[in-house]
Amino acid sequence: MAIWSELRSIVRWLLRRSDPPPPPGTGQVIQAAEQAAARRRLLADARTARTTPQHCQPTEILPTGTLDHEATPGRADR
């Protein structure tokens, strides 16, 4: 019976053990890789923004009284 209780305590000890910590510097390597990927995305976005034409047209200022709801006589404001 002593063998079973000893085996049971060993199994419990093994199950309670946490995973070993990652090697030193692993977090820095992961962070550097993520920063490099973000830098590549930013540069690609900037390159795309420089090469695509602007879709904004200059604003046209209309004289007052030319809008449809102002020009229609007898129409009540909403």
PDB file of N, CA and C in Angstrom:
ATOM      1  N   MET A   1       0.808  -1.191   0.000  1.00  0.00           N
ATOM      2  CA  MET A   1       0.000   0.000   0.000  1.00  0.00           C
ATOM      3  C   MET A   1       0.856   1.262   0.000  1.00  0.00           C
ATOM      4  N   ALA A   2       2.018   1.223   0.568  1.00  0.00           N
ATOM      5  CA  ALA A   2       2.874   2.399   0.659  1.00  0.00           C
ATOM      6  C   ALA A   2       3.326   2.839  -0.723  1.00  0.00           C
ATOM      7  N   ILE A   3       3.487   1.892  -1.623  1.00  0.00           N
ATOM      8  CA  ILE A   3       3.911   2.224  -2.982  1.00  0.00           C
ATOM      9  C   ILE A   3       2.844   3.071  -3.674  1.00  0.00           C
ATOM     10  N   TRP A   4       1.560   2.679  -3.519  1.00  0.00           N
ATOM     11  CA  TRP A   4       0.485   3.408  -4.171  1.00  0.00           C
ATOM     12  C   TRP A   4       0.367   4.836  -3.633  1.00  0.00           C
ATOM     13  N   SER A   5       0.494   5.005  -2.353  1.00  0.00           N
ATOM     14  CA  SER A   5       0.394   6.357  -1.799  1.00  0.00           C
ATOM     15  C   SER A   5       1.581   7.213  -2.245  1.00  0.00           C
ATOM     16  N   GLU A   6       2.762   6.583  -2.336  1.00  0.00           N
ATOM     17  CA  GLU A   6       3.934   7.313  -2.817  1.00  0.00           C
ATOM     18  C   GLU A   6       3.763   7.691  -4.288  1.00  0.00           C
ATOM     19  N   LEU A   7       3.265   6.759  -5.083  1.00  0.00           N
ATOM     20  CA  LEU A   7       3.030   7.029  -6.505  1.00  0.00           C
ATOM     21  C   LEU A   7       1.984   8.134  -6.673  1.00  0.00           C
ATOM     22  N   ARG A   8       0.937   8.068  -5.849  1.00  0.00           N
ATOM     23  CA  ARG A   8      -0.101   9.086  -5.915  1.00  0.00           C
ATOM     24  C   ARG A   8       0.459  10.470  -5.568  1.00  0.00           C
ATOM     25  N   SER A   9       1.294  10.557  -4.581  1.00  0.00           N
ATOM     26  CA  SER A   9       1.870  11.848  -4.205  1.00  0.00           C
ATOM     27  C   SER A   9       2.816  12.368  -5.296  1.00  0.00           C
ATOM     28  N   ILE A  10       3.528  11.471  -5.962  1.00  0.00           N
ATOM     29  CA  ILE A  10       4.402  11.886  -7.066  1.00  0.00           C
ATOM     30  C   ILE A  10       3.570  12.415  -8.229  1.00  0.00           C
ATOM     31  N   VAL A  11       2.487  11.728  -8.559  1.00  0.00           N
ATOM     32  CA  VAL A  11       1.620  12.175  -9.654  1.00  0.00           C
ATOM     33  C   VAL A  11       1.011  13.535  -9.324  1.00  0.00           C
ATOM     34  N   ARG A  12       0.562  13.723  -8.086  1.00  0.00           N
ATOM     35  CA  ARG A  12       0.010  15.017  -7.691  1.00  0.00           C
ATOM     36  C   ARG A  12       1.068  16.102  -7.807  1.00  0.00           C
ATOM     37  N   TRP A  13       2.284  15.805  -7.399  1.00  0.00           N
ATOM     38  CA  TRP A  13       3.367  16.787  -7.478  1.00  0.00           C
ATOM     39  C   TRP A  13       3.654  17.152  -8.932  1.00  0.00           C
ATOM     40  N   LEU A  14       3.640  16.159  -9.823  1.00  0.00           N
ATOM     41  CA  LEU A  14       3.890  16.413 -11.241  1.00  0.00           C
ATOM     42  C   LEU A  14       2.780  17.264 -11.854  1.00  0.00           C
ATOM     43  N   LEU A  15       1.543  17.002 -11.469  1.00  0.00           N
ATOM     44  CA  LEU A  15       0.423  17.753 -12.034  1.00  0.00           C
ATOM     45  C   LEU A  15       0.390  19.189 -11.526  1.00  0.00           C
ATOM     46  N   ARG A  16       0.893  19.437 -10.333  1.00  0.00           N
ATOM     47  CA  ARG A  16       0.897  20.785  -9.775  1.00  0.00           C
ATOM     48  C   ARG A  16       2.020  21.639 -10.323  1.00  0.00           C
ATOM     49  N   ARG A  17       3.017  21.050 -10.884  1.00  0.00           N
ATOM     50  CA  ARG A  17       4.157  21.810 -11.388  1.00  0.00           C
ATOM     51  C   ARG A  17       3.715  22.694 -12.550  1.00  0.00           C
ATOM     52  N   SER A  18       4.167  23.918 -12.541  1.00  0.00           N
ATOM     53  CA  SER A  18       3.838  24.821 -13.632  1.00  0.00           C
ATOM     54  C   SER A  18       4.830  24.614 -14.774  1.00  0.00           C
ATOM     55  N   ASP A  19       4.497  25.175 -15.909  1.00  0.00           N
ATOM     56  CA  ASP A  19       5.400  25.088 -17.056  1.00  0.00           C
ATOM     57  C   ASP A  19       6.672  25.865 -16.742  1.00  0.00           C
ATOM     58  N   PRO A  20       7.772  25.409 -17.240  1.00  0.00           N
ATOM     59  CA  PRO A  20       9.015  26.153 -16.988  1.00  0.00           C
ATOM     60  C   PRO A  20       8.955  27.518 -17.677  1.00  0.00           C
ATOM     61  N   PRO A  21       9.590  28.523 -17.100  1.00  0.00           N
ATOM     62  CA  PRO A  21       9.568  29.842 -17.721  1.00  0.00           C
ATOM     63  C   PRO A  21      10.317  29.829 -19.049  1.00  0.00           C
ATOM     64  N   PRO A  22       9.948  30.730 -19.950  1.00  0.00           N
ATOM     65  CA  PRO A  22      10.642  30.770 -21.241  1.00  0.00           C
ATOM     66  C   PRO A  22      12.091  31.207 -21.044  1.00  0.00           C
ATOM     67  N   PRO A  23      12.940  30.902 -21.998  1.00  0.00           N
ATOM     68  CA  PRO A  23      14.329  31.315 -21.884  1.00  0.00           C
ATOM     69  C   PRO A  23      14.456  32.833 -21.805  1.00  0.00           C
ATOM     70  N   PRO A  24      15.498  33.325 -21.165  1.00  0.00           N
ATOM     71  CA  PRO A  24      15.673  34.780 -21.061  1.00  0.00           C
ATOM     72  C   PRO A  24      15.762  35.436 -22.435  1.00  0.00           C
ATOM     73  N   GLY A  25      15.121  36.586 -22.566  1.00  0.00           N
ATOM     74  CA  GLY A  25      15.164  37.334 -23.817  1.00  0.00           C
ATOM     75  C   GLY A  25      14.061  36.977 -24.794  1.00  0.00           C
ATOM     76  N   THR A  26      13.236  35.987 -24.470  1.00  0.00           N
ATOM     77  CA  THR A  26      12.177  35.568 -25.392  1.00  0.00           C
ATOM     78  C   THR A  26      11.181  36.703 -25.619  1.00  0.00           C
ATOM     79  N   GLY A  27      10.809  37.401 -24.544  1.00  0.00           N
ATOM     80  CA  GLY A  27       9.857  38.504 -24.671  1.00  0.00           C
ATOM     81  C   GLY A  27      10.397  39.612 -25.556  1.00  0.00           C
ATOM     82  N   GLN A  28      11.685  39.882 -25.449  1.00  0.00           N
ATOM     83  CA  GLN A  28      12.290  40.923 -26.274  1.00  0.00           C
ATOM     84  C   GLN A  28      12.296  40.528 -27.743  1.00  0.00           C
ATOM     85  N   VAL A  29      12.518  39.262 -28.013  1.00  0.00           N
ATOM     86  CA  VAL A  29      12.521  38.786 -29.402  1.00  0.00           C
ATOM     87  C   VAL A  29      11.122  38.905 -29.998  1.00  0.00           C
ATOM     88  N   ILE A  30      10.121  38.510 -29.225  1.00  0.00           N
ATOM     89  CA  ILE A  30       8.735  38.596 -29.708  1.00  0.00           C
ATOM     90  C   ILE A  30       8.352  40.054 -29.938  1.00  0.00           C
ATOM     91  N   GLN A  31       8.720  40.924 -28.995  1.00  0.00           N
ATOM     92  CA  GLN A  31       8.398  42.342 -29.134  1.00  0.00           C
ATOM     93  C   GLN A  31       9.092  42.947 -30.352  1.00  0.00           C
ATOM     94  N   ALA A  32      10.328  42.589 -30.592  1.00  0.00           N
ATOM     95  CA  ALA A  32      11.051  43.108 -31.758  1.00  0.00           C
ATOM     96  C   ALA A  32      10.388  42.653 -33.058  1.00  0.00           C
ATOM     97  N   ALA A  33       9.937  41.405 -33.095  1.00  0.00           N
ATOM     98  CA  ALA A  33       9.267  40.896 -34.296  1.00  0.00           C
ATOM     99  C   ALA A  33       7.951  41.630 -34.532  1.00  0.00           C
ATOM    100  N   GLU A  34       7.179  41.881 -33.459  1.00  0.00           N
ATOM    101  CA  GLU A  34       5.915  42.599 -33.606  1.00  0.00           C
ATOM    102  C   GLU A  34       6.154  44.040 -34.053  1.00  0.00           C
ATOM    103  N   GLN A  35       7.190  44.677 -33.515  1.00  0.00           N
ATOM    104  CA  GLN A  35       7.495  46.047 -33.925  1.00  0.00           C
ATOM    105  C   GLN A  35       7.930  46.109 -35.385  1.00  0.00           C
ATOM    106  N   ALA A  36       8.696  45.129 -35.825  1.00  0.00           N
ATOM    107  CA  ALA A  36       9.127  45.105 -37.223  1.00  0.00           C
ATOM    108  C   ALA A  36       7.919  44.929 -38.152  1.00  0.00           C
ATOM    109  N   ALA A  37       6.989  44.060 -37.761  1.00  0.00           N
ATOM    110  CA  ALA A  37       5.793  43.859 -38.577  1.00  0.00           C
ATOM    111  C   ALA A  37       4.949  45.139 -38.620  1.00  0.00           C
ATOM    112  N   ALA A  38       4.819  45.818 -37.487  1.00  0.00           N
ATOM    113  CA  ALA A  38       4.049  47.064 -37.454  1.00  0.00           C
ATOM    114  C   ALA A  38       4.732  48.132 -38.308  1.00  0.00           C
ATOM    115  N   ARG A  39       6.046  48.193 -38.258  1.00  0.00           N
ATOM    116  CA  ARG A  39       6.789  49.164 -39.067  1.00  0.00           C
ATOM    117  C   ARG A  39       6.578  48.895 -40.553  1.00  0.00           C
ATOM    118  N   ARG A  40       6.600  47.608 -40.938  1.00  0.00           N
ATOM    119  CA  ARG A  40       6.366  47.264 -42.350  1.00  0.00           C
ATOM    120  C   ARG A  40       4.963  47.677 -42.781  1.00  0.00           C
ATOM    121  N   ARG A  41       3.960  47.452 -41.915  1.00  0.00           N
ATOM    122  CA  ARG A  41       2.585  47.844 -42.258  1.00  0.00           C
ATOM    123  C   ARG A  41       2.474  49.357 -42.403  1.00  0.00           C
ATOM    124  N   LEU A  42       3.097  50.102 -41.482  1.00  0.00           N
ATOM    125  CA  LEU A  42       3.037  51.563 -41.575  1.00  0.00           C
ATOM    126  C   LEU A  42       3.698  52.073 -42.846  1.00  0.00           C
ATOM    127  N   LEU A  43       4.848  51.515 -43.188  1.00  0.00           N
ATOM    128  CA  LEU A  43       5.532  51.945 -44.405  1.00  0.00           C
ATOM    129  C   LEU A  43       4.721  51.592 -45.649  1.00  0.00           C
ATOM    130  N   ALA A  44       4.093  50.430 -45.645  1.00  0.00           N
ATOM    131  CA  ALA A  44       3.254  50.040 -46.786  1.00  0.00           C
ATOM    132  C   ALA A  44       2.049  50.971 -46.910  1.00  0.00           C
ATOM    133  N   ASP A  45       1.439  51.317 -45.762  1.00  0.00           N
ATOM    134  CA  ASP A  45       0.309  52.251 -45.798  1.00  0.00           C
ATOM    135  C   ASP A  45       0.738  53.627 -46.292  1.00  0.00           C
ATOM    136  N   ALA A  46       1.904  54.080 -45.859  1.00  0.00           N
ATOM    137  CA  ALA A  46       2.396  55.385 -46.309  1.00  0.00           C
ATOM    138  C   ALA A  46       2.696  55.364 -47.794  1.00  0.00           C
ATOM    139  N   ARG A  47       3.282  54.275 -48.278  1.00  0.00           N
ATOM    140  CA  ARG A  47       3.575  54.146 -49.704  1.00  0.00           C
ATOM    141  C   ARG A  47       2.274  54.163 -50.508  1.00  0.00           C
ATOM    142  N   THR A  48       1.256  53.469 -50.021  1.00  0.00           N
ATOM    143  CA  THR A  48      -0.033  53.439 -50.699  1.00  0.00           C
ATOM    144  C   THR A  48      -0.668  54.823 -50.699  1.00  0.00           C
ATOM    145  N   ALA A  49      -0.564  55.535 -49.587  1.00  0.00           N
ATOM    146  CA  ALA A  49      -1.160  56.871 -49.505  1.00  0.00           C
ATOM    147  C   ALA A  49      -0.468  57.834 -50.462  1.00  0.00           C
ATOM    148  N   ARG A  50       0.834  57.668 -50.672  1.00  0.00           N
ATOM    149  CA  ARG A  50       1.547  58.560 -51.595  1.00  0.00           C
ATOM    150  C   ARG A  50       1.212  58.260 -53.047  1.00  0.00           C
ATOM    151  N   THR A  51       0.917  57.023 -53.372  1.00  0.00           N
ATOM    152  CA  THR A  51       0.711  56.655 -54.767  1.00  0.00           C
ATOM    153  C   THR A  51      -0.741  56.754 -55.219  1.00  0.00           C
ATOM    154  N   THR A  52      -1.682  56.741 -54.303  1.00  0.00           N
ATOM    155  CA  THR A  52      -3.089  56.830 -54.708  1.00  0.00           C
ATOM    156  C   THR A  52      -3.489  58.294 -54.838  1.00  0.00           C
ATOM    157  N   PRO A  53      -4.313  58.628 -55.850  1.00  0.00           N
ATOM    158  CA  PRO A  53      -4.732  60.025 -56.024  1.00  0.00           C
ATOM    159  C   PRO A  53      -5.706  60.433 -54.927  1.00  0.00           C
ATOM    160  N   GLN A  54      -5.707  61.698 -54.670  1.00  0.00           N
ATOM    161  CA  GLN A  54      -6.642  62.232 -53.678  1.00  0.00           C
ATOM    162  C   GLN A  54      -8.051  62.204 -54.267  1.00  0.00           C
ATOM    163  N   HIS A  55      -9.014  61.813 -53.460  1.00  0.00           N
ATOM    164  CA  HIS A  55     -10.391  61.722 -53.933  1.00  0.00           C
ATOM    165  C   HIS A  55     -11.222  62.917 -53.482  1.00  0.00           C
ATOM    166  N   CYS A  56     -10.580  63.897 -52.910  1.00  0.00           N
ATOM    167  CA  CYS A  56     -11.305  65.077 -52.443  1.00  0.00           C
ATOM    168  C   CYS A  56     -11.345  66.119 -53.557  1.00  0.00           C
ATOM    169  N   GLN A  57     -12.495  66.640 -53.798  1.00  0.00           N
ATOM    170  CA  GLN A  57     -12.656  67.727 -54.746  1.00  0.00           C
ATOM    171  C   GLN A  57     -12.706  69.032 -53.956  1.00  0.00           C
ATOM    172  N   PRO A  58     -12.300  70.131 -54.565  1.00  0.00           N
ATOM    173  CA  PRO A  58     -12.385  71.400 -53.837  1.00  0.00           C
ATOM    174  C   PRO A  58     -13.833  71.713 -53.497  1.00  0.00           C
ATOM    175  N   THR A  59     -14.016  72.325 -52.356  1.00  0.00           N
ATOM    176  CA  THR A  59     -15.366  72.663 -51.914  1.00  0.00           C
ATOM    177  C   THR A  59     -15.906  73.812 -52.757  1.00  0.00           C
ATOM    178  N   GLU A  60     -17.124  73.650 -53.223  1.00  0.00           N
ATOM    179  CA  GLU A  60     -17.771  74.695 -54.010  1.00  0.00           C
ATOM    180  C   GLU A  60     -18.730  75.440 -53.105  1.00  0.00           C
ATOM    181  N   ILE A  61     -18.554  76.730 -53.001  1.00  0.00           N
ATOM    182  CA  ILE A  61     -19.414  77.545 -52.147  1.00  0.00           C
ATOM    183  C   ILE A  61     -20.568  78.059 -52.990  1.00  0.00           C
ATOM    184  N   LEU A  62     -21.784  77.708 -52.601  1.00  0.00           N
ATOM    185  CA  LEU A  62     -22.984  78.135 -53.317  1.00  0.00           C
ATOM    186  C   LEU A  62     -23.498  79.435 -52.713  1.00  0.00           C
ATOM    187  N   PRO A  63     -24.016  80.290 -53.560  1.00  0.00           N
ATOM    188  CA  PRO A  63     -24.618  81.517 -53.000  1.00  0.00           C
ATOM    189  C   PRO A  63     -25.859  81.163 -52.188  1.00  0.00           C
ATOM    190  N   THR A  64     -26.190  81.962 -51.219  1.00  0.00           N
ATOM    191  CA  THR A  64     -27.352  81.671 -50.372  1.00  0.00           C
ATOM    192  C   THR A  64     -28.633  81.773 -51.188  1.00  0.00           C
ATOM    193  N   GLY A  65     -29.611  80.977 -50.810  1.00  0.00           N
ATOM    194  CA  GLY A  65     -30.899  80.996 -51.491  1.00  0.00           C
ATOM    195  C   GLY A  65     -30.971  80.062 -52.686  1.00  0.00           C
ATOM    196  N   THR A  66     -29.927  79.306 -52.984  1.00  0.00           N
ATOM    197  CA  THR A  66     -29.973  78.423 -54.141  1.00  0.00           C
ATOM    198  C   THR A  66     -30.255  76.975 -53.759  1.00  0.00           C
ATOM    199  N   LEU A  67     -30.310  76.699 -52.460  1.00  0.00           N
ATOM    200  CA  LEU A  67     -30.626  75.332 -52.056  1.00  0.00           C
ATOM    201  C   LEU A  67     -32.093  75.043 -52.310  1.00  0.00           C
ATOM    202  N   ASP A  68     -32.423  73.812 -52.575  1.00  0.00           N
ATOM    203  CA  ASP A  68     -33.780  73.424 -52.959  1.00  0.00           C
ATOM    204  C   ASP A  68     -34.795  73.796 -51.897  1.00  0.00           C
ATOM    205  N   HIS A  69     -34.541  73.520 -50.645  1.00  0.00           N
ATOM    206  CA  HIS A  69     -35.544  73.774 -49.623  1.00  0.00           C
ATOM    207  C   HIS A  69     -35.713  75.274 -49.355  1.00  0.00           C
ATOM    208  N   GLU A  70     -34.709  76.089 -49.704  1.00  0.00           N
ATOM    209  CA  GLU A  70     -34.859  77.531 -49.541  1.00  0.00           C
ATOM    210  C   GLU A  70     -35.521  78.160 -50.759  1.00  0.00           C
ATOM    211  N   ALA A  71     -35.349  77.531 -51.918  1.00  0.00           N
ATOM    212  CA  ALA A  71     -35.858  78.124 -53.152  1.00  0.00           C
ATOM    213  C   ALA A  71     -37.318  77.765 -53.431  1.00  0.00           C
ATOM    214  N   THR A  72     -37.836  76.757 -52.772  1.00  0.00           N
ATOM    215  CA  THR A  72     -39.196  76.334 -53.037  1.00  0.00           C
ATOM    216  C   THR A  72     -40.167  77.204 -52.234  1.00  0.00           C
ATOM    217  N   PRO A  73     -41.014  77.993 -52.915  1.00  0.00           N
ATOM    218  CA  PRO A  73     -41.948  78.845 -52.184  1.00  0.00           C
ATOM    219  C   PRO A  73     -43.089  78.025 -51.586  1.00  0.00           C
ATOM    220  N   GLY A  74     -43.551  78.427 -50.409  1.00  0.00           N
ATOM    221  CA  GLY A  74     -44.684  77.782 -49.791  1.00  0.00           C
ATOM    222  C   GLY A  74     -44.356  76.467 -49.094  1.00  0.00           C
ATOM    223  N   ARG A  75     -43.149  76.098 -49.064  1.00  0.00           N
ATOM    224  CA  ARG A  75     -42.782  74.838 -48.429  1.00  0.00           C
ATOM    225  C   ARG A  75     -42.389  75.116 -46.976  1.00  0.00           C
ATOM    226  N   ALA A  76     -42.937  74.364 -46.063  1.00  0.00           N
ATOM    227  CA  ALA A  76     -42.663  74.602 -44.643  1.00  0.00           C
ATOM    228  C   ALA A  76     -41.342  73.919 -44.267  1.00  0.00           C
ATOM    229  N   ASP A  77     -40.619  74.580 -43.369  1.00  0.00           N
ATOM    230  CA  ASP A  77     -39.373  73.974 -42.872  1.00  0.00           C
ATOM    231  C   ASP A  77     -39.695  72.796 -41.973  1.00  0.00           C
ATOM    232  N   ARG A  78     -38.848  71.830 -42.007  1.00  0.00           N
ATOM    233  CA  ARG A  78     -39.090  70.629 -41.208  1.00  0.00           C
ATOM    234  C   ARG A  78     -38.431  70.711 -39.883  1.00  0.00           C
TER     235      ARG A  78
END
